[in-house]
C-alpha atoms as a PDB file:
ATOM      1  CA  MET A   1       0.092  -0.021   0.096  1.00  0.00           C
ATOM      2  CA  THR A   2       1.198   3.536  -0.851  1.00  0.00           C
ATOM      3  CA  GLY A   3       1.900   5.600   2.305  1.00  0.00           C
ATOM      4  CA  LEU A   4       0.450   9.027   2.848  1.00  0.00           C
ATOM      5  CA  GLY A   5       2.069  11.728   0.830  1.00  0.00           C
ATOM      6  CA  GLN A   6       3.613   9.122  -1.478  1.00  0.00           C
ATOM      7  CA  THR A   7       2.743   8.623  -5.124  1.00  0.00           C
ATOM      8  CA  GLU A   8       2.749   5.393  -7.028  1.00  0.00           C
ATOM      9  CA  THR A   9       4.644   5.621 -10.405  1.00  0.00           C
ATOM     10  CA  ALA A  10       3.906   3.120 -13.140  1.00  0.00           C
ATOM     11  CA  SER A  11       6.826   1.311 -14.541  1.00  0.00           C
ATOM     12  CA  PRO A  12       7.562   2.196 -18.266  1.00  0.00           C
ATOM     13  CA  TYR A  13       6.321  -0.457 -20.724  1.00  0.00           C
ATOM     14  CA  THR A  14       8.845  -2.869 -22.076  1.00  0.00           C
ATOM     15  CA  PRO A  15       7.778  -4.016 -25.492  1.00  0.00           C
ATOM     16  CA  PRO A  16       8.492  -7.393 -26.993  1.00  0.00           C
ATOM     17  CA  ARG A  17      11.518  -7.580 -29.418  1.00  0.00           C
ATOM     18  CA  THR A  18      11.978  -8.663 -32.926  1.00  0.00           C
ATOM     19  CA  ALA A  19      14.682 -11.188 -33.866  1.00  0.00           C
ATOM     20  CA  ASP A  20      17.099  -8.390 -34.421  1.00  0.00           C
ATOM     21  CA  GLY A  21      16.483  -6.877 -30.946  1.00  0.00           C
ATOM     22  CA  HIS A  22      14.339  -3.887 -31.852  1.00  0.00           C
ATOM     23  CA  PRO A  23      11.047  -3.154 -30.243  1.00  0.00           C
ATOM     24  CA  ASP A  24       8.178  -5.064 -32.074  1.00  0.00           C
ATOM     25  CA  LEU A  25       5.653  -2.569 -33.423  1.00  0.00           C
ATOM     26  CA  GLN A  26       4.040  -5.078 -35.879  1.00  0.00           C
ATOM     27  CA  GLY A  27       0.297  -5.331 -36.157  1.00  0.00           C
ATOM     28  CA  ILE A  28      -2.681  -3.675 -37.538  1.00  0.00           C
ATOM     29  CA  TRP A  29      -3.282  -0.186 -35.951  1.00  0.00           C
ATOM     30  CA  GLN A  30      -5.885   2.584 -36.206  1.00  0.00           C
ATOM     31  CA  VAL A  31      -6.785   5.952 -34.579  1.00  0.00           C
ATOM     32  CA  LEU A  32     -10.061   6.486 -32.805  1.00  0.00           C
ATOM     33  CA  ASN A  33     -10.392  10.361 -33.019  1.00  0.00           C
ATOM     34  CA  THR A  34     -11.664  13.168 -35.486  1.00  0.00           C
ATOM     35  CA  ALA A  35      -8.323  14.509 -36.541  1.00  0.00           C
ATOM     36  CA  ALA A  36      -9.127  13.460 -40.160  1.00  0.00           C
ATOM     37  CA  TRP A  37     -11.848  16.107 -40.187  1.00  0.00           C
ATOM     38  CA  ASP A  38     -10.008  18.806 -38.406  1.00  0.00           C
ATOM     39  CA  LEU A  39      -6.702  18.784 -36.320  1.00  0.00           C
ATOM     40  CA  GLU A  40      -8.061  21.676 -34.187  1.00  0.00           C
ATOM     41  CA  ASP A  41     -11.102  21.892 -31.844  1.00  0.00           C
ATOM     42  CA  HIS A  42     -14.193  21.749 -33.938  1.00  0.00           C
ATOM     43  CA  SER A  43     -17.951  21.520 -33.460  1.00  0.00           C
ATOM     44  CA  ALA A  44     -20.168  19.007 -34.985  1.00  0.00           C
ATOM     45  CA  SER A  45     -21.764  19.817 -38.410  1.00  0.00           C
ATOM     46  CA  LEU A  46     -23.346  17.835 -41.293  1.00  0.00           C
ATOM     47  CA  GLY A  47     -21.142  14.892 -41.863  1.00  0.00           C
ATOM     48  CA  VAL A  48     -18.444  16.215 -39.313  1.00  0.00           C
ATOM     49  CA  PRO A  49     -18.324  14.743 -35.746  1.00  0.00           C
ATOM     50  CA  ALA A  50     -17.210  17.087 -33.068  1.00  0.00           C
ATOM     51  CA  GLY A  51     -13.794  16.769 -31.747  1.00  0.00           C
ATOM     52  CA  GLN A  52     -10.906  17.995 -29.669  1.00  0.00           C
ATOM     53  CA  SER A  53      -7.576  19.456 -31.007  1.00  0.00           C
ATOM     54  CA  VAL A  54      -4.758  17.006 -31.265  1.00  0.00           C
ATOM     55  CA  VAL A  55      -2.401  20.032 -31.702  1.00  0.00           C
ATOM     56  CA  GLU A  56      -0.098  20.799 -28.853  1.00  0.00           C
ATOM     57  CA  GLU A  57      -1.131  24.233 -27.381  1.00  0.00           C
ATOM     58  CA  GLY A  58      -4.410  23.906 -29.310  1.00  0.00           C
ATOM     59  CA  THR A  59      -3.999  25.829 -32.560  1.00  0.00           C
ATOM     60  CA  ILE A  60      -1.790  25.635 -35.561  1.00  0.00           C
ATOM     61  CA  PRO A  61       0.676  28.619 -35.700  1.00  0.00           C
ATOM     62  CA  TYR A  62      -0.082  29.912 -39.150  1.00  0.00           C
ATOM     63  CA  ARG A  63       1.602  32.959 -40.680  1.00  0.00           C
ATOM     64  CA  GLU A  64      -0.712  35.864 -41.229  1.00  0.00           C
ATOM     65  CA  SER A  65      -0.139  35.591 -44.923  1.00  0.00           C
ATOM     66  CA  ALA A  66      -1.080  31.996 -44.973  1.00  0.00           C
ATOM     67  CA  LEU A  67      -4.546  32.305 -43.206  1.00  0.00           C
ATOM     68  CA  GLU A  68      -6.261  33.497 -46.263  1.00  0.00           C
ATOM     69  CA  GLN A  69      -5.295  30.437 -48.265  1.00  0.00           C
ATOM     70  CA  ARG A  70      -6.470  28.138 -45.329  1.00  0.00           C
ATOM     71  CA  GLN A  71      -9.859  29.904 -45.298  1.00  0.00           C
ATOM     72  CA  ALA A  72     -10.153  29.554 -49.071  1.00  0.00           C
ATOM     73  CA  ASN A  73      -9.321  25.836 -48.673  1.00  0.00           C
ATOM     74  CA  PHE A  74     -12.078  25.497 -46.006  1.00  0.00           C
ATOM     75  CA  GLU A  75     -14.757  27.248 -48.027  1.00  0.00           C
ATOM     76  CA  HIS A  76     -13.918  25.120 -51.075  1.00  0.00           C
ATOM     77  CA  ARG A  77     -12.999  21.915 -49.374  1.00  0.00           C
ATOM     78  CA  ALA A  78     -15.603  19.808 -51.139  1.00  0.00           C
ATOM     79  CA  THR A  79     -13.683  20.436 -54.477  1.00  0.00           C
ATOM     80  CA  LEU A  80     -10.176  21.259 -53.371  1.00  0.00           C
ATOM     81  CA  ASP A  81      -9.489  18.621 -50.801  1.00  0.00           C
ATOM     82  CA  PRO A  82      -6.964  16.128 -52.420  1.00  0.00           C
ATOM     83  CA  GLU A  83      -8.736  13.298 -50.586  1.00  0.00           C
ATOM     84  CA  ASN A  84     -11.790  14.041 -52.741  1.00  0.00           C
ATOM     85  CA  ARG A  85      -9.758  13.277 -55.872  1.00  0.00           C
ATOM     86  CA  CYS A  86      -8.277  10.079 -54.536  1.00  0.00           C
ATOM     87  CA  TYR A  87      -4.763  11.553 -54.410  1.00  0.00           C
ATOM     88  CA  LEU A  88      -2.236  10.252 -51.892  1.00  0.00           C
ATOM     89  CA  PRO A  89      -2.868  11.907 -48.630  1.00  0.00           C
ATOM     90  CA  GLY A  90       0.711  12.401 -47.533  1.00  0.00           C
ATOM     91  CA  VAL A  91       2.360  12.320 -44.126  1.00  0.00           C
ATOM     92  CA  PRO A  92       1.139  12.685 -41.399  1.00  0.00           C
ATOM     93  CA  ARG A  93      -2.466  12.796 -42.640  1.00  0.00           C
ATOM     94  CA  ILE A  94      -2.510   9.171 -43.820  1.00  0.00           C
ATOM     95  CA  THR A  95      -1.962   7.963 -40.199  1.00  0.00           C
ATOM     96  CA  TYR A  96      -5.044   9.465 -38.681  1.00  0.00           C
ATOM     97  CA  MET A  97      -7.459   8.867 -41.565  1.00  0.00           C
ATOM     98  CA  PRO A  98     -10.232   6.513 -40.472  1.00  0.00           C
ATOM     99  CA  TYR A  99      -8.760   3.384 -42.014  1.00  0.00           C
ATOM    100  CA  PRO A 100      -6.327   0.867 -40.441  1.00  0.00           C
ATOM    101  CA  PHE A 101      -2.851   0.278 -41.399  1.00  0.00           C
ATOM    102  CA  GLN A 102      -0.272  -2.510 -40.834  1.00  0.00           C
ATOM    103  CA  ILE A 103       3.357  -2.127 -39.606  1.00  0.00           C
ATOM    104  CA  ILE A 104       5.816  -4.810 -40.886  1.00  0.00           C
ATOM    105  CA  GLN A 105       9.479  -4.750 -39.757  1.00  0.00           C
ATOM    106  CA  GLN A 106      12.378  -5.950 -41.728  1.00  0.00           C
ATOM    107  CA  ALA A 107      16.109  -5.862 -41.257  1.00  0.00           C
ATOM    108  CA  ASP A 108      16.727  -2.731 -43.425  1.00  0.00           C
ATOM    109  CA  LYS A 109      13.231  -1.050 -43.487  1.00  0.00           C
ATOM    110  CA  VAL A 110       9.954  -0.795 -41.745  1.00  0.00           C
ATOM    111  CA  SER A 111       7.038  -1.043 -44.193  1.00  0.00           C
ATOM    112  CA  ILE A 112       3.602   0.373 -43.522  1.00  0.00           C
ATOM    113  CA  ALA A 113       0.656  -0.920 -45.541  1.00  0.00           C
ATOM    114  CA  TYR A 114      -2.361   1.367 -45.426  1.00  0.00           C
ATOM    115  CA  GLU A 115      -5.958   0.271 -46.290  1.00  0.00           C
ATOM    116  CA  TYR A 116      -6.543   3.712 -47.894  1.00  0.00           C
ATOM    117  CA  LEU A 117      -5.714   3.393 -51.647  1.00  0.00           C
ATOM    118  CA  ARG A 118      -3.546   0.290 -50.756  1.00  0.00           C
ATOM    119  CA  VAL A 119      -0.575   2.541 -50.175  1.00  0.00           C
ATOM    120  CA  ILE A 120       2.672   0.902 -49.215  1.00  0.00           C
ATOM    121  CA  ARG A 121       5.243   3.123 -47.610  1.00  0.00           C
ATOM    122  CA  PHE A 122       8.886   2.238 -46.897  1.00  0.00           C
ATOM    123  CA  ILE A 123      10.904   3.787 -43.931  1.00  0.00           C
ATOM    124  CA  HIS A 124      14.482   3.137 -44.750  1.00  0.00           C
ATOM    125  CA  MET A 125      16.382   1.981 -41.623  1.00  0.00           C
ATOM    126  CA  ASN A 126      19.899   1.539 -43.247  1.00  0.00           C
ATOM    127  CA  GLY A 127      21.347   4.863 -42.038  1.00  0.00           C
ATOM    128  CA  ASN A 128      21.539   6.349 -45.504  1.00  0.00           C
ATOM    129  CA  PRO A 129      20.637  10.088 -45.745  1.00  0.00           C
ATOM    130  CA  HIS A 130      17.704  11.491 -47.788  1.00  0.00           C
ATOM    131  CA  PRO A 131      18.524  11.661 -51.512  1.00  0.00           C
ATOM    132  CA  PRO A 132      19.546  15.112 -52.702  1.00  0.00           C
ATOM    133  CA  GLY A 133      16.525  17.243 -53.586  1.00  0.00           C
ATOM    134  CA  PRO A 134      14.446  19.060 -54.199  1.00  0.00           C
ATOM    135  CA  ILE A 135      12.074  16.111 -55.003  1.00  0.00           C
ATOM    136  CA  ASP A 136       8.274  16.422 -54.935  1.00  0.00           C
ATOM    137  CA  TRP A 137       6.767  13.225 -53.669  1.00  0.00           C
ATOM    138  CA  TRP A 138       3.213  12.858 -52.356  1.00  0.00           C
ATOM    139  CA  MET A 139       4.377  10.686 -49.416  1.00  0.00           C
ATOM    140  CA  GLY A 140       7.841  12.143 -49.015  1.00  0.00           C
ATOM    141  CA  ASP A 141      11.103  10.299 -48.427  1.00  0.00           C
ATOM    142  CA  SER A 142      11.217   8.482 -44.876  1.00  0.00           C
ATOM    143  CA  ARG A 143      14.367   7.687 -43.026  1.00  0.00           C
ATOM    144  CA  GLY A 144      14.106   6.033 -39.739  1.00  0.00           C
ATOM    145  CA  ARG A 145      16.153   5.125 -36.596  1.00  0.00           C
ATOM    146  CA  TRP A 146      15.522   3.922 -33.025  1.00  0.00           C
ATOM    147  CA  GLU A 147      15.768   5.992 -29.928  1.00  0.00           C
ATOM    148  CA  GLY A 148      15.251   3.549 -27.159  1.00  0.00           C
ATOM    149  CA  ASN A 149      11.750   2.026 -27.609  1.00  0.00           C
ATOM    150  CA  THR A 150      10.734   4.788 -30.103  1.00  0.00           C
ATOM    151  CA  LEU A 151      10.731   4.514 -33.829  1.00  0.00           C
ATOM    152  CA  VAL A 152      11.779   8.022 -34.995  1.00  0.00           C
ATOM    153  CA  VAL A 153      11.043   8.807 -38.721  1.00  0.00           C
ATOM    154  CA  ASP A 154      12.395  11.887 -40.656  1.00  0.00           C
ATOM    155  CA  VAL A 155      10.248  12.739 -43.628  1.00  0.00           C
ATOM    156  CA  THR A 156      11.033  15.199 -46.297  1.00  0.00           C
ATOM    157  CA  HIS A 157      10.843  15.863 -50.064  1.00  0.00           C
ATOM    158  CA  PHE A 158       7.158  16.563 -50.184  1.00  0.00           C
ATOM    159  CA  ASN A 159       5.090  18.266 -52.989  1.00  0.00           C
ATOM    160  CA  ASP A 160       2.514  20.927 -51.996  1.00  0.00           C
ATOM    161  CA  GLY A 161      -0.553  18.957 -53.148  1.00  0.00           C
ATOM    162  CA  THR A 162      -1.546  17.418 -49.815  1.00  0.00           C
ATOM    163  CA  TRP A 163      -3.543  18.752 -46.851  1.00  0.00           C
ATOM    164  CA  PHE A 164      -3.414  17.792 -43.119  1.00  0.00           C
ATOM    165  CA  ASP A 165      -7.178  17.330 -42.848  1.00  0.00           C
ATOM    166  CA  ARG A 166     -10.534  17.828 -44.376  1.00  0.00           C
ATOM    167  CA  ALA A 167     -10.790  21.379 -42.921  1.00  0.00           C
ATOM    168  CA  GLY A 168      -8.207  22.804 -45.366  1.00  0.00           C
ATOM    169  CA  ASN A 169      -5.066  22.920 -43.139  1.00  0.00           C
ATOM    170  CA  TYR A 170      -2.262  22.927 -45.511  1.00  0.00           C
ATOM    171  CA  HIS A 171       1.533  23.134 -46.217  1.00  0.00           C
ATOM    172  CA  SER A 172       4.000  24.006 -48.954  1.00  0.00           C
ATOM    173  CA  GLU A 173       6.693  21.940 -50.515  1.00  0.00           C
ATOM    174  CA  ALA A 174       8.957  23.073 -47.697  1.00  0.00           C
ATOM    175  CA  LEU A 175       7.277  20.652 -45.246  1.00  0.00           C
ATOM    176  CA  HIS A 176       9.500  18.672 -42.990  1.00  0.00           C
ATOM    177  CA  VAL A 177       7.890  16.055 -40.509  1.00  0.00           C
ATOM    178  CA  VAL A 178       9.416  14.096 -37.792  1.00  0.00           C
ATOM    179  CA  GLU A 179       7.309  11.144 -36.572  1.00  0.00           C
ATOM    180  CA  ARG A 180       7.643   9.254 -33.336  1.00  0.00           C
ATOM    181  CA  TYR A 181       5.972   5.830 -32.621  1.00  0.00           C
ATOM    182  CA  THR A 182       6.347   4.753 -29.051  1.00  0.00           C
ATOM    183  CA  PRO A 183       4.739   1.584 -27.658  1.00  0.00           C
ATOM    184  CA  THR A 184       2.971   2.429 -24.298  1.00  0.00           C
ATOM    185  CA  GLY A 185       1.370  -0.946 -23.804  1.00  0.00           C
ATOM    186  CA  PRO A 186       0.716  -4.245 -25.710  1.00  0.00           C
ATOM    187  CA  ASN A 187      -2.185  -2.737 -27.639  1.00  0.00           C
ATOM    188  CA  HIS A 188      -1.260   0.966 -27.866  1.00  0.00           C
ATOM    189  CA  LEU A 189       1.229   3.174 -29.577  1.00  0.00           C
ATOM    190  CA  LEU A 190       1.789   6.868 -28.903  1.00  0.00           C
ATOM    191  CA  TYR A 191       2.011   8.695 -32.280  1.00  0.00           C
ATOM    192  CA  GLU A 192       3.575  12.043 -32.414  1.00  0.00           C
ATOM    193  CA  ALA A 193       4.580  14.266 -35.363  1.00  0.00           C
ATOM    194  CA  THR A 194       6.472  17.555 -35.304  1.00  0.00           C
ATOM    195  CA  ILE A 195       5.664  19.662 -38.323  1.00  0.00           C
ATOM    196  CA  GLU A 196       7.816  22.344 -39.822  1.00  0.00           C
ATOM    197  CA  ASP A 197       7.286  24.542 -42.823  1.00  0.00           C
ATOM    198  CA  PRO A 198       8.680  28.216 -42.681  1.00  0.00           C
ATOM    199  CA  ASN A 199       6.646  29.187 -45.664  1.00  0.00           C
ATOM    200  CA  VAL A 200       3.329  28.571 -43.901  1.00  0.00           C
ATOM    201  CA  PHE A 201       3.968  28.447 -40.153  1.00  0.00           C
ATOM    202  CA  THR A 202       5.698  30.801 -37.678  1.00  0.00           C
ATOM    203  CA  ARG A 203       7.427  27.910 -35.829  1.00  0.00           C
ATOM    204  CA  PRO A 204       7.455  24.021 -35.640  1.00  0.00           C
ATOM    205  CA  TRP A 205       4.343  22.578 -34.129  1.00  0.00           C
ATOM    206  CA  LYS A 206       3.253  19.103 -32.848  1.00  0.00           C
ATOM    207  CA  ILE A 207       0.377  16.630 -32.923  1.00  0.00           C
ATOM    208  CA  SER A 208      -0.045  13.494 -30.719  1.00  0.00           C
ATOM    209  CA  MET A 209      -2.571  10.842 -30.402  1.00  0.00           C
ATOM    210  CA  PRO A 210      -2.858   7.117 -29.409  1.00  0.00           C
ATOM    211  CA  LEU A 211      -2.955   4.359 -31.996  1.00  0.00           C
ATOM    212  CA  TYR A 212      -4.980   1.321 -31.141  1.00  0.00           C
ATOM    213  CA  ARG A 213      -4.250  -2.331 -32.034  1.00  0.00           C
ATOM    214  CA  ARG A 214      -6.954  -3.980 -34.044  1.00  0.00           C
ATOM    215  CA  GLN A 215      -7.609  -7.204 -32.071  1.00  0.00           C
ATOM    216  CA  GLU A 216     -10.443  -8.806 -34.030  1.00  0.00           C
ATOM    217  CA  GLN A 217      -9.776 -12.452 -34.974  1.00  0.00           C
ATOM    218  CA  ASP A 218      -8.383 -12.808 -38.455  1.00  0.00           C
ATOM    219  CA  ILE A 219      -8.260  -9.095 -38.934  1.00  0.00           C
ATOM    220  CA  GLU A 220      -6.881  -8.005 -42.252  1.00  0.00           C
ATOM    221  CA  LEU A 221      -6.682  -4.943 -44.424  1.00  0.00           C
ATOM    222  CA  LEU A 222      -9.462  -4.584 -46.858  1.00  0.00           C
ATOM    223  CA  GLU A 223      -9.492  -2.869 -50.273  1.00  0.00           C
ATOM    224  CA  TYR A 224     -10.598   0.710 -50.314  1.00  0.00           C
ATOM    225  CA  GLN A 225     -12.247   1.578 -53.597  1.00  0.00           C
ATOM    226  CA  CYS A 226     -11.871   5.322 -53.704  1.00  0.00           C
ATOM    227  CA  HIS A 227     -12.752   6.040 -57.271  1.00  0.00           C
ATOM    228  CA  ALA A 228     -15.854   3.740 -57.087  1.00  0.00           C
ATOM    229  CA  TYR A 229     -16.982   5.742 -54.002  1.00  0.00           C
ATOM    230  CA  LEU A 230     -16.457   8.892 -55.830  1.00  0.00           C
ATOM    231  CA  LEU A 231     -18.369   7.896 -58.844  1.00  0.00           C
ATOM    232  CA  GLU A 232     -21.368   7.185 -56.599  1.00  0.00           C
ATOM    233  CA  GLN A 233     -21.037  10.565 -54.973  1.00  0.00           C
ATOM    234  CA  GLU A 234     -20.532  12.563 -58.144  1.00  0.00           C
ATOM    235  CA  TRP A 235     -22.781  10.833 -60.811  1.00  0.00           C
ATOM    236  CA  ASP A 236     -25.858  12.847 -60.019  1.00  0.00           C
ATOM    237  CA  ASN A 237     -23.980  16.149 -59.266  1.00  0.00           C
ATOM    238  CA  PRO A 238     -24.493  18.515 -62.063  1.00  0.00           C
ATOM    239  CA  GLU A 239     -21.900  20.905 -60.840  1.00  0.00           C
ATOM    240  CA  SER A 240     -19.227  18.177 -60.506  1.00  0.00           C
ATOM    241  CA  THR A 241     -16.029  18.535 -62.533  1.00  0.00           C
ATOM    242  CA  PHE A 242     -14.810  15.150 -61.470  1.00  0.00           C
ATOM    243  CA  PHE A 243     -15.409  13.498 -64.962  1.00  0.00           C
ATOM    244  CA  ASP A 244     -13.828  16.389 -66.656  1.00  0.00           C
ATOM    245  CA  GLU A 245     -10.569  15.800 -64.651  1.00  0.00           C
ATOM    246  CA  HIS A 246     -10.515  12.048 -65.016  1.00  0.00           C
END
């Protein structure tokens, strides 16, 4: 029993290890939050569940000159959101979309298979630096390392075509992301991402959220038919430009 005036401190979680001695993060994971709709605090509206901010300090530190573009994105999100055109969502957005993903660890890389668009992402763990740029990739270039039990992933070489959420929060091609995946229990990971883009933000900022292991028997990733879904949505919309663009 803990004595009066004493506090009981939980021991840090010690995760299982892979054959090469690294923390075993393998499994199928998914978020349970509303960050996909808006990273910041937001009220419920048609098709949007209410949610709390996952941004450290609550709000994204936009430059004054970037707020106008963000507002324009929000007002025209039905047509401008890259997700609504089945484009790759980028990093970190793909992590907190409402679809599961699977982590697979190998000797020289960590692979993440996402249900959304059947995206496969490679995190190179061989110690090599990013290739010389600039290179404009939808998912960037990912280089990983271990810091204790945490997988740290440095991601750069983005294009400016992705958003952070469905509310129009955006970035430029100067985006730089550092992700951290830390096991906090047998069925939970803490996901953190520090975001830097001097063209759009006044300083680096951070998001964090838990990831939950999917534990259903025989769980597996399914196929997400993005274009089939959009066809259903757009077929009867006389103002749609979807068919002109595809």
